């Protein structure tokens, strides 16, 4: 994305758009959805995302187009018909667990920031979030040990620390 005349724009006119990688989870097959409802589907693997849709959407945003971003329902594990309209912005924040994994997507970023936190804090936050989504503790812990933690160690941590402009070691505030 070019600077878009940053020096000529009053700070009150600048716009920031936030896009979540969660919006780009793939549409699940009936078998995958059944596994997901039992906590047996790996949402933390790179293949869980619709990479083509994610890339094209980000490309359109970078080119200044108005885009319609999908909405994902974490309770039903489904992509909803509702979409979020994202208008051209001076700054686009793209957040998610694997935003640095794809070289093609990573190359679009002008700045990369990886914020890490202690693994116990990550787990406690996940437990609280997923319980609000109607999941039981046993399912959450099983999914964490089976998919989340191994995927973080294999796909997230090495790429994020290597690719980030400002690796952030965890502190009490992260």
N, C-alpha and C. Protein backbone atom coordinates (compact mmCIF):
# COMPACT_ATOMS: atom_id res chain seq x y z
N UNK A 1 0.86 -1.16 0.00
CA UNK A 1 0.00 0.00 0.00
C UNK A 1 0.90 1.22 0.00
N UNK A 2 0.63 2.16 -0.85
CA UNK A 2 1.44 3.37 -0.87
C UNK A 2 1.03 4.28 0.28
N UNK A 3 1.81 5.33 0.49
CA UNK A 3 1.58 6.19 1.64
C UNK A 3 0.29 7.00 1.57
N UNK A 4 -0.30 7.13 0.41
CA UNK A 4 -1.59 7.80 0.25
C UNK A 4 -1.56 9.25 0.74
N UNK A 5 -0.46 9.93 0.49
CA UNK A 5 -0.38 11.34 0.86
C UNK A 5 -0.50 11.59 2.35
N UNK A 6 0.14 10.77 3.17
CA UNK A 6 0.01 10.87 4.62
C UNK A 6 0.28 12.28 5.14
N UNK A 7 1.25 12.97 4.57
CA UNK A 7 1.59 14.31 5.06
C UNK A 7 0.50 15.32 4.76
N UNK A 8 -0.34 15.05 3.78
CA UNK A 8 -1.38 15.99 3.37
C UNK A 8 -2.71 15.74 4.10
N UNK A 9 -2.80 14.64 4.84
CA UNK A 9 -4.06 14.26 5.46
C UNK A 9 -4.05 14.63 6.94
N UNK A 10 -5.05 15.35 7.35
CA UNK A 10 -5.23 15.69 8.75
C UNK A 10 -5.45 14.40 9.54
N UNK A 11 -4.90 14.30 10.75
CA UNK A 11 -5.00 13.06 11.52
C UNK A 11 -6.44 12.63 11.76
N UNK A 12 -7.39 13.55 11.78
CA UNK A 12 -8.79 13.19 11.99
C UNK A 12 -9.41 12.55 10.76
N UNK A 13 -8.74 12.66 9.62
CA UNK A 13 -9.26 12.09 8.38
C UNK A 13 -8.69 10.71 8.09
N UNK A 14 -7.70 10.31 8.84
CA UNK A 14 -7.08 9.01 8.58
C UNK A 14 -8.01 7.90 9.04
N UNK A 15 -7.97 6.79 8.31
CA UNK A 15 -8.86 5.67 8.61
C UNK A 15 -8.04 4.41 8.85
N UNK A 16 -8.52 3.61 9.78
CA UNK A 16 -7.90 2.33 10.09
C UNK A 16 -8.95 1.25 9.92
N UNK A 17 -8.59 0.19 9.23
CA UNK A 17 -9.48 -0.97 9.07
C UNK A 17 -8.83 -2.15 9.78
N UNK A 18 -9.65 -2.94 10.44
CA UNK A 18 -9.17 -4.15 11.11
C UNK A 18 -9.84 -5.34 10.45
N UNK A 19 -9.02 -6.29 10.02
CA UNK A 19 -9.52 -7.51 9.39
C UNK A 19 -8.93 -8.68 10.16
N UNK A 20 -9.76 -9.65 10.48
CA UNK A 20 -9.32 -10.81 11.23
C UNK A 20 -9.15 -12.02 10.32
N UNK A 21 -8.08 -12.73 10.52
CA UNK A 21 -7.86 -13.96 9.77
C UNK A 21 -8.97 -14.97 10.04
N UNK A 22 -9.60 -14.89 11.20
CA UNK A 22 -10.71 -15.79 11.53
C UNK A 22 -11.83 -15.72 10.50
N UNK A 23 -11.96 -14.61 9.82
CA UNK A 23 -13.01 -14.46 8.80
C UNK A 23 -12.81 -15.40 7.62
N UNK A 24 -11.62 -15.96 7.50
CA UNK A 24 -11.28 -16.74 6.32
C UNK A 24 -11.15 -18.24 6.58
N UNK A 25 -11.77 -18.72 7.67
CA UNK A 25 -11.81 -20.17 7.85
C UNK A 25 -12.58 -20.78 6.69
N UNK A 26 -12.13 -21.93 6.24
CA UNK A 26 -12.78 -22.62 5.12
C UNK A 26 -14.21 -23.03 5.50
N UNK A 27 -15.03 -23.18 4.48
CA UNK A 27 -16.35 -23.77 4.67
C UNK A 27 -16.11 -25.27 4.89
N UNK A 28 -16.63 -25.78 5.98
CA UNK A 28 -16.38 -27.18 6.34
C UNK A 28 -17.36 -28.12 5.65
N UNK A 29 -16.86 -29.30 5.33
CA UNK A 29 -17.72 -30.36 4.83
C UNK A 29 -18.55 -30.87 6.02
N UNK A 30 -19.63 -31.62 5.77
CA UNK A 30 -20.40 -32.16 6.90
C UNK A 30 -19.55 -33.00 7.86
N UNK A 31 -18.61 -33.79 7.32
CA UNK A 31 -17.74 -34.60 8.17
C UNK A 31 -16.82 -33.72 9.02
N UNK A 32 -16.25 -32.69 8.41
CA UNK A 32 -15.38 -31.77 9.15
C UNK A 32 -16.16 -31.02 10.23
N UNK A 33 -17.39 -30.62 9.90
CA UNK A 33 -18.21 -29.90 10.87
C UNK A 33 -18.55 -30.80 12.06
N UNK A 34 -18.85 -32.06 11.80
CA UNK A 34 -19.13 -33.00 12.89
C UNK A 34 -17.91 -33.13 13.80
N UNK A 35 -16.71 -33.22 13.19
CA UNK A 35 -15.48 -33.27 13.99
C UNK A 35 -15.30 -31.98 14.79
N UNK A 36 -15.56 -30.85 14.15
CA UNK A 36 -15.40 -29.55 14.82
C UNK A 36 -16.31 -29.44 16.03
N UNK A 37 -17.54 -29.89 15.91
CA UNK A 37 -18.49 -29.81 17.01
C UNK A 37 -18.06 -30.66 18.20
N UNK A 38 -17.24 -31.69 17.95
CA UNK A 38 -16.71 -32.54 19.02
C UNK A 38 -15.33 -32.08 19.48
N UNK A 39 -14.79 -31.03 18.85
CA UNK A 39 -13.45 -30.55 19.20
C UNK A 39 -12.34 -31.34 18.56
N UNK A 40 -12.65 -32.05 17.46
CA UNK A 40 -11.67 -32.90 16.80
C UNK A 40 -11.24 -32.38 15.44
N UNK A 41 -11.39 -31.09 15.21
CA UNK A 41 -10.96 -30.49 13.94
C UNK A 41 -9.89 -29.45 14.25
N UNK A 42 -8.83 -29.45 13.45
CA UNK A 42 -7.70 -28.56 13.71
C UNK A 42 -7.87 -27.21 13.02
N UNK A 43 -8.37 -26.23 13.77
CA UNK A 43 -8.53 -24.87 13.25
C UNK A 43 -7.22 -24.09 13.30
N UNK A 44 -6.18 -24.67 13.86
CA UNK A 44 -4.91 -23.97 14.02
C UNK A 44 -3.87 -24.41 12.99
N UNK A 45 -4.29 -25.15 11.99
CA UNK A 45 -3.41 -25.58 10.90
C UNK A 45 -3.59 -24.61 9.72
N UNK A 46 -2.53 -24.33 8.98
CA UNK A 46 -2.66 -23.43 7.82
C UNK A 46 -3.75 -23.84 6.83
N UNK A 47 -4.00 -25.13 6.69
CA UNK A 47 -5.02 -25.60 5.74
C UNK A 47 -6.45 -25.30 6.19
N UNK A 48 -6.62 -24.83 7.43
CA UNK A 48 -7.97 -24.50 7.91
C UNK A 48 -8.50 -23.22 7.28
N UNK A 49 -7.61 -22.46 6.64
CA UNK A 49 -8.00 -21.17 6.06
C UNK A 49 -8.15 -21.24 4.55
N UNK A 50 -9.06 -20.46 4.04
CA UNK A 50 -9.25 -20.30 2.59
C UNK A 50 -8.21 -19.29 2.12
N UNK A 51 -7.03 -19.80 1.77
CA UNK A 51 -5.90 -18.93 1.44
C UNK A 51 -6.17 -18.05 0.23
N UNK A 52 -6.85 -18.61 -0.76
CA UNK A 52 -7.11 -17.85 -1.99
C UNK A 52 -8.03 -16.66 -1.70
N UNK A 53 -9.10 -16.90 -0.96
CA UNK A 53 -10.02 -15.82 -0.61
C UNK A 53 -9.33 -14.78 0.27
N UNK A 54 -8.54 -15.25 1.21
CA UNK A 54 -7.83 -14.34 2.10
C UNK A 54 -6.87 -13.45 1.30
N UNK A 55 -6.08 -14.06 0.43
CA UNK A 55 -5.13 -13.30 -0.37
C UNK A 55 -5.84 -12.29 -1.27
N UNK A 56 -6.87 -12.74 -1.98
CA UNK A 56 -7.56 -11.84 -2.90
C UNK A 56 -8.22 -10.68 -2.16
N UNK A 57 -8.80 -10.97 -1.01
CA UNK A 57 -9.43 -9.91 -0.22
C UNK A 57 -8.40 -8.89 0.24
N UNK A 58 -7.27 -9.37 0.75
CA UNK A 58 -6.22 -8.45 1.19
C UNK A 58 -5.65 -7.66 0.02
N UNK A 59 -5.49 -8.32 -1.11
CA UNK A 59 -4.99 -7.64 -2.31
C UNK A 59 -5.94 -6.52 -2.71
N UNK A 60 -7.23 -6.81 -2.70
CA UNK A 60 -8.23 -5.79 -3.04
C UNK A 60 -8.19 -4.63 -2.05
N UNK A 61 -8.01 -4.92 -0.77
CA UNK A 61 -7.92 -3.87 0.23
C UNK A 61 -6.70 -2.99 -0.04
N UNK A 62 -5.57 -3.63 -0.29
CA UNK A 62 -4.33 -2.89 -0.56
C UNK A 62 -4.49 -2.00 -1.79
N UNK A 63 -5.25 -2.48 -2.78
CA UNK A 63 -5.47 -1.70 -4.01
C UNK A 63 -6.53 -0.62 -3.83
N UNK A 64 -7.10 -0.51 -2.63
CA UNK A 64 -8.05 0.57 -2.35
C UNK A 64 -9.49 0.26 -2.68
N UNK A 65 -9.81 -1.00 -2.88
CA UNK A 65 -11.19 -1.38 -3.20
C UNK A 65 -12.03 -1.54 -1.93
N UNK A 66 -13.32 -1.34 -2.07
CA UNK A 66 -14.26 -1.69 -1.01
C UNK A 66 -14.45 -3.20 -1.10
N UNK A 67 -14.33 -3.90 0.02
CA UNK A 67 -14.44 -5.36 0.00
C UNK A 67 -15.49 -5.82 1.01
N UNK A 68 -16.00 -7.00 0.76
CA UNK A 68 -16.94 -7.66 1.66
C UNK A 68 -16.21 -8.85 2.28
N UNK A 69 -15.97 -8.78 3.58
CA UNK A 69 -15.22 -9.80 4.29
C UNK A 69 -16.21 -10.79 4.91
N UNK A 70 -15.95 -12.09 4.76
CA UNK A 70 -16.86 -13.09 5.33
C UNK A 70 -16.92 -12.98 6.86
N UNK A 71 -18.00 -13.52 7.41
CA UNK A 71 -18.17 -13.60 8.86
C UNK A 71 -18.24 -15.07 9.24
N UNK A 72 -17.47 -15.46 10.25
CA UNK A 72 -17.44 -16.85 10.68
C UNK A 72 -18.12 -16.98 12.04
N UNK A 73 -18.96 -18.01 12.17
CA UNK A 73 -19.67 -18.28 13.42
C UNK A 73 -18.94 -19.41 14.15
N UNK A 74 -18.36 -19.10 15.29
CA UNK A 74 -17.56 -20.09 16.03
C UNK A 74 -18.42 -21.09 16.80
N UNK A 75 -19.67 -20.79 17.00
CA UNK A 75 -20.56 -21.73 17.70
C UNK A 75 -20.99 -22.84 16.76
N UNK A 76 -21.38 -22.47 15.53
CA UNK A 76 -21.85 -23.47 14.56
C UNK A 76 -20.76 -23.93 13.61
N UNK A 77 -19.59 -23.30 13.68
CA UNK A 77 -18.47 -23.61 12.78
C UNK A 77 -18.90 -23.45 11.32
N UNK A 78 -19.52 -22.32 11.04
CA UNK A 78 -20.04 -22.06 9.69
C UNK A 78 -19.70 -20.64 9.26
N UNK A 79 -19.56 -20.46 7.96
CA UNK A 79 -19.44 -19.12 7.40
C UNK A 79 -20.85 -18.60 7.22
N UNK A 80 -21.11 -17.43 7.76
CA UNK A 80 -22.44 -16.84 7.69
C UNK A 80 -22.65 -16.11 6.37
N UNK A 81 -23.91 -15.83 6.07
CA UNK A 81 -24.22 -15.04 4.87
C UNK A 81 -23.84 -13.58 5.08
N UNK A 82 -23.88 -13.13 6.35
CA UNK A 82 -23.52 -11.75 6.66
C UNK A 82 -22.06 -11.51 6.30
N UNK A 83 -21.80 -10.32 5.79
CA UNK A 83 -20.43 -9.93 5.48
C UNK A 83 -20.16 -8.57 6.10
N UNK A 84 -18.90 -8.29 6.32
CA UNK A 84 -18.48 -7.01 6.87
C UNK A 84 -17.87 -6.21 5.73
N UNK A 85 -18.36 -5.00 5.53
CA UNK A 85 -17.83 -4.13 4.49
C UNK A 85 -16.61 -3.41 5.02
N UNK A 86 -15.51 -3.52 4.28
CA UNK A 86 -14.28 -2.81 4.64
C UNK A 86 -14.00 -1.80 3.54
N UNK A 87 -13.91 -0.55 3.96
CA UNK A 87 -13.67 0.56 3.03
C UNK A 87 -12.18 0.86 2.96
N UNK A 88 -11.74 1.53 1.90
CA UNK A 88 -10.32 1.88 1.80
C UNK A 88 -9.86 2.61 3.07
N UNK A 89 -8.65 2.31 3.50
CA UNK A 89 -8.12 2.88 4.73
C UNK A 89 -6.64 3.20 4.57
N UNK A 90 -6.16 4.10 5.40
CA UNK A 90 -4.74 4.45 5.40
C UNK A 90 -3.91 3.34 6.03
N UNK A 91 -4.50 2.69 7.04
CA UNK A 91 -3.81 1.63 7.75
C UNK A 91 -4.76 0.44 7.82
N UNK A 92 -4.23 -0.73 7.50
CA UNK A 92 -5.01 -1.96 7.61
C UNK A 92 -4.29 -2.88 8.59
N UNK A 93 -4.99 -3.24 9.66
CA UNK A 93 -4.46 -4.19 10.63
C UNK A 93 -5.07 -5.55 10.31
N UNK A 94 -4.20 -6.51 10.01
CA UNK A 94 -4.65 -7.87 9.73
C UNK A 94 -4.13 -8.74 10.86
N UNK A 95 -5.05 -9.27 11.66
CA UNK A 95 -4.64 -10.02 12.85
C UNK A 95 -5.08 -11.46 12.75
N UNK A 96 -4.28 -12.34 13.36
CA UNK A 96 -4.64 -13.74 13.40
C UNK A 96 -3.46 -14.61 13.76
N UNK A 97 -3.74 -15.88 14.00
CA UNK A 97 -2.71 -16.80 14.47
C UNK A 97 -1.67 -17.15 13.41
N UNK A 98 -2.06 -17.12 12.16
CA UNK A 98 -1.14 -17.54 11.09
C UNK A 98 -0.98 -16.47 10.01
N UNK A 99 -1.08 -15.21 10.37
CA UNK A 99 -1.02 -14.16 9.34
C UNK A 99 0.35 -14.08 8.67
N UNK A 100 1.40 -14.55 9.33
CA UNK A 100 2.73 -14.51 8.73
C UNK A 100 3.10 -15.81 8.02
N UNK A 101 2.24 -16.80 8.07
CA UNK A 101 2.61 -18.12 7.54
C UNK A 101 2.78 -18.13 6.03
N UNK A 102 1.89 -17.51 5.30
CA UNK A 102 1.94 -17.50 3.84
C UNK A 102 2.86 -16.39 3.34
N UNK A 103 3.88 -16.76 2.60
CA UNK A 103 4.81 -15.78 2.04
C UNK A 103 4.08 -14.76 1.18
N UNK A 104 3.13 -15.24 0.39
CA UNK A 104 2.37 -14.37 -0.51
C UNK A 104 1.61 -13.28 0.26
N UNK A 105 1.00 -13.67 1.35
CA UNK A 105 0.28 -12.71 2.19
C UNK A 105 1.28 -11.83 2.94
N UNK A 106 2.30 -12.45 3.48
CA UNK A 106 3.31 -11.73 4.26
C UNK A 106 3.96 -10.61 3.44
N UNK A 107 4.16 -10.85 2.17
CA UNK A 107 4.81 -9.85 1.31
C UNK A 107 3.98 -8.59 1.13
N UNK A 108 2.70 -8.62 1.46
CA UNK A 108 1.85 -7.44 1.35
C UNK A 108 2.03 -6.47 2.52
N UNK A 109 2.61 -6.94 3.60
CA UNK A 109 2.70 -6.13 4.81
C UNK A 109 3.89 -5.18 4.77
N UNK A 110 3.67 -3.96 5.22
CA UNK A 110 4.77 -3.01 5.37
C UNK A 110 5.41 -3.13 6.74
N UNK A 111 4.65 -3.56 7.70
CA UNK A 111 5.17 -3.77 9.04
C UNK A 111 4.51 -5.01 9.61
N UNK A 112 5.31 -5.76 10.36
CA UNK A 112 4.80 -6.98 10.98
C UNK A 112 5.09 -6.91 12.48
N UNK A 113 4.07 -7.20 13.25
CA UNK A 113 4.20 -7.15 14.70
C UNK A 113 3.68 -8.46 15.28
N UNK A 114 4.51 -9.12 16.05
CA UNK A 114 4.13 -10.36 16.72
C UNK A 114 4.13 -10.10 18.22
N UNK A 115 2.98 -10.29 18.84
CA UNK A 115 2.86 -10.11 20.28
C UNK A 115 2.66 -11.48 20.89
N UNK A 116 3.57 -11.87 21.74
CA UNK A 116 3.52 -13.17 22.38
C UNK A 116 3.11 -12.98 23.83
N UNK A 117 2.65 -14.05 24.42
CA UNK A 117 2.34 -14.04 25.84
C UNK A 117 2.64 -15.43 26.40
N UNK A 118 2.73 -15.52 27.68
CA UNK A 118 3.03 -16.77 28.35
C UNK A 118 2.00 -17.84 27.97
N UNK A 119 2.46 -19.08 27.82
CA UNK A 119 1.56 -20.15 27.38
C UNK A 119 0.41 -20.40 28.37
N UNK A 120 0.65 -20.22 29.65
CA UNK A 120 -0.43 -20.39 30.63
C UNK A 120 -1.50 -19.32 30.46
N UNK A 121 -1.06 -18.10 30.15
CA UNK A 121 -2.01 -17.01 29.91
C UNK A 121 -2.81 -17.30 28.64
N UNK A 122 -2.13 -17.78 27.59
CA UNK A 122 -2.83 -18.13 26.35
C UNK A 122 -3.91 -19.18 26.62
N UNK A 123 -3.55 -20.19 27.39
CA UNK A 123 -4.50 -21.26 27.69
C UNK A 123 -5.68 -20.73 28.51
N UNK A 124 -5.41 -19.94 29.52
CA UNK A 124 -6.52 -19.44 30.35
C UNK A 124 -7.45 -18.54 29.54
N UNK A 125 -6.89 -17.73 28.66
CA UNK A 125 -7.74 -16.88 27.81
C UNK A 125 -8.59 -17.72 26.87
N UNK A 126 -8.00 -18.79 26.33
CA UNK A 126 -8.74 -19.68 25.42
C UNK A 126 -9.87 -20.37 26.17
N UNK A 127 -9.59 -20.85 27.37
CA UNK A 127 -10.63 -21.53 28.16
C UNK A 127 -11.81 -20.59 28.39
N UNK A 128 -11.52 -19.38 28.83
CA UNK A 128 -12.60 -18.41 29.08
C UNK A 128 -13.38 -18.10 27.81
N UNK A 129 -12.67 -17.86 26.71
CA UNK A 129 -13.33 -17.54 25.44
C UNK A 129 -14.19 -18.69 24.95
N UNK A 130 -13.62 -19.90 24.95
CA UNK A 130 -14.35 -21.04 24.40
C UNK A 130 -15.52 -21.46 25.28
N UNK A 131 -15.42 -21.26 26.58
CA UNK A 131 -16.56 -21.56 27.45
C UNK A 131 -17.71 -20.60 27.16
N UNK A 132 -17.38 -19.35 26.83
CA UNK A 132 -18.43 -18.40 26.43
C UNK A 132 -19.08 -18.83 25.12
N UNK A 133 -18.35 -19.59 24.31
CA UNK A 133 -18.89 -20.10 23.05
C UNK A 133 -19.64 -21.42 23.23
N UNK A 134 -19.82 -21.84 24.47
CA UNK A 134 -20.62 -23.02 24.75
C UNK A 134 -19.87 -24.33 24.75
N UNK A 135 -18.57 -24.30 24.81
CA UNK A 135 -17.79 -25.54 24.82
C UNK A 135 -17.50 -25.95 26.25
N UNK A 136 -17.31 -27.26 26.45
CA UNK A 136 -17.01 -27.71 27.81
C UNK A 136 -15.50 -27.77 28.01
N UNK A 137 -15.09 -27.75 29.27
CA UNK A 137 -13.68 -27.66 29.62
C UNK A 137 -12.87 -28.83 29.07
N UNK A 138 -13.40 -30.03 29.17
CA UNK A 138 -12.66 -31.20 28.68
C UNK A 138 -12.37 -31.08 27.18
N UNK A 139 -13.37 -30.66 26.42
CA UNK A 139 -13.20 -30.48 24.98
C UNK A 139 -12.16 -29.39 24.69
N UNK A 140 -12.20 -28.31 25.43
CA UNK A 140 -11.25 -27.20 25.24
C UNK A 140 -9.83 -27.67 25.51
N UNK A 141 -9.63 -28.36 26.62
CA UNK A 141 -8.28 -28.81 26.98
C UNK A 141 -7.77 -29.86 26.00
N UNK A 142 -8.66 -30.75 25.55
CA UNK A 142 -8.26 -31.75 24.57
C UNK A 142 -7.84 -31.09 23.26
N UNK A 143 -8.62 -30.12 22.81
CA UNK A 143 -8.30 -29.42 21.56
C UNK A 143 -6.98 -28.65 21.72
N UNK A 144 -6.77 -28.07 22.88
CA UNK A 144 -5.54 -27.31 23.12
C UNK A 144 -4.31 -28.22 23.03
N UNK A 145 -4.35 -29.35 23.73
CA UNK A 145 -3.18 -30.23 23.74
C UNK A 145 -2.99 -30.98 22.43
N UNK A 146 -4.09 -31.27 21.73
CA UNK A 146 -4.01 -32.02 20.48
C UNK A 146 -3.66 -31.14 19.29
N UNK A 147 -4.26 -29.95 19.21
CA UNK A 147 -4.11 -29.11 18.02
C UNK A 147 -3.44 -27.77 18.28
N UNK A 148 -3.94 -27.03 19.24
CA UNK A 148 -3.55 -25.63 19.41
C UNK A 148 -2.08 -25.47 19.76
N UNK A 149 -1.64 -26.10 20.84
CA UNK A 149 -0.26 -25.95 21.28
C UNK A 149 0.73 -26.49 20.25
N UNK A 150 0.52 -27.71 19.71
CA UNK A 150 1.46 -28.19 18.68
C UNK A 150 1.50 -27.29 17.44
N UNK A 151 0.35 -26.79 17.01
CA UNK A 151 0.32 -25.91 15.83
C UNK A 151 1.02 -24.59 16.12
N UNK A 152 0.84 -24.06 17.32
CA UNK A 152 1.53 -22.83 17.69
C UNK A 152 3.04 -23.02 17.60
N UNK A 153 3.51 -24.14 18.15
CA UNK A 153 4.95 -24.40 18.16
C UNK A 153 5.50 -24.69 16.76
N UNK A 154 4.70 -25.33 15.90
CA UNK A 154 5.17 -25.67 14.56
C UNK A 154 5.00 -24.55 13.54
N UNK A 155 3.84 -23.91 13.54
CA UNK A 155 3.51 -22.96 12.47
C UNK A 155 3.60 -21.49 12.88
N UNK A 156 3.26 -21.20 14.11
CA UNK A 156 3.18 -19.79 14.52
C UNK A 156 4.50 -19.24 15.03
N UNK A 157 4.99 -19.81 16.10
CA UNK A 157 6.14 -19.24 16.79
C UNK A 157 7.37 -19.08 15.90
N UNK A 158 7.81 -20.11 15.18
CA UNK A 158 9.03 -19.92 14.37
C UNK A 158 8.88 -18.84 13.30
N UNK A 159 7.76 -18.83 12.59
CA UNK A 159 7.55 -17.86 11.51
C UNK A 159 7.35 -16.47 12.09
N UNK A 160 6.56 -16.35 13.14
CA UNK A 160 6.26 -15.05 13.72
C UNK A 160 7.50 -14.36 14.26
N UNK A 161 8.32 -15.08 14.99
CA UNK A 161 9.53 -14.48 15.55
C UNK A 161 10.50 -14.12 14.44
N UNK A 162 10.62 -14.97 13.44
CA UNK A 162 11.55 -14.72 12.33
C UNK A 162 11.09 -13.56 11.45
N UNK A 163 9.80 -13.44 11.19
CA UNK A 163 9.29 -12.47 10.22
C UNK A 163 8.88 -11.13 10.81
N UNK A 164 8.66 -11.08 12.10
CA UNK A 164 8.17 -9.85 12.71
C UNK A 164 9.25 -8.79 12.74
N UNK A 165 8.86 -7.54 12.51
CA UNK A 165 9.79 -6.42 12.64
C UNK A 165 10.11 -6.17 14.11
N UNK A 166 9.18 -6.47 14.96
CA UNK A 166 9.36 -6.18 16.38
C UNK A 166 8.86 -7.35 17.22
N UNK A 167 9.68 -8.41 17.34
CA UNK A 167 9.24 -9.51 18.19
C UNK A 167 9.00 -9.01 19.61
N UNK A 168 7.93 -9.46 20.19
CA UNK A 168 7.56 -8.97 21.52
C UNK A 168 7.62 -10.11 22.51
N UNK A 169 8.66 -10.13 23.36
CA UNK A 169 8.68 -11.18 24.39
C UNK A 169 7.53 -10.95 25.35
N UNK A 170 7.03 -12.03 25.92
CA UNK A 170 5.87 -11.85 26.78
C UNK A 170 6.25 -11.16 28.08
N UNK A 171 5.31 -10.40 28.57
CA UNK A 171 5.43 -9.74 29.87
C UNK A 171 4.07 -9.89 30.54
N UNK A 172 3.96 -9.39 31.73
CA UNK A 172 2.68 -9.47 32.44
C UNK A 172 1.59 -8.70 31.72
N UNK A 173 1.97 -7.75 30.86
CA UNK A 173 0.99 -6.89 30.20
C UNK A 173 0.47 -7.45 28.88
N UNK A 174 1.09 -8.48 28.30
CA UNK A 174 0.68 -8.97 26.97
C UNK A 174 -0.60 -9.75 27.04
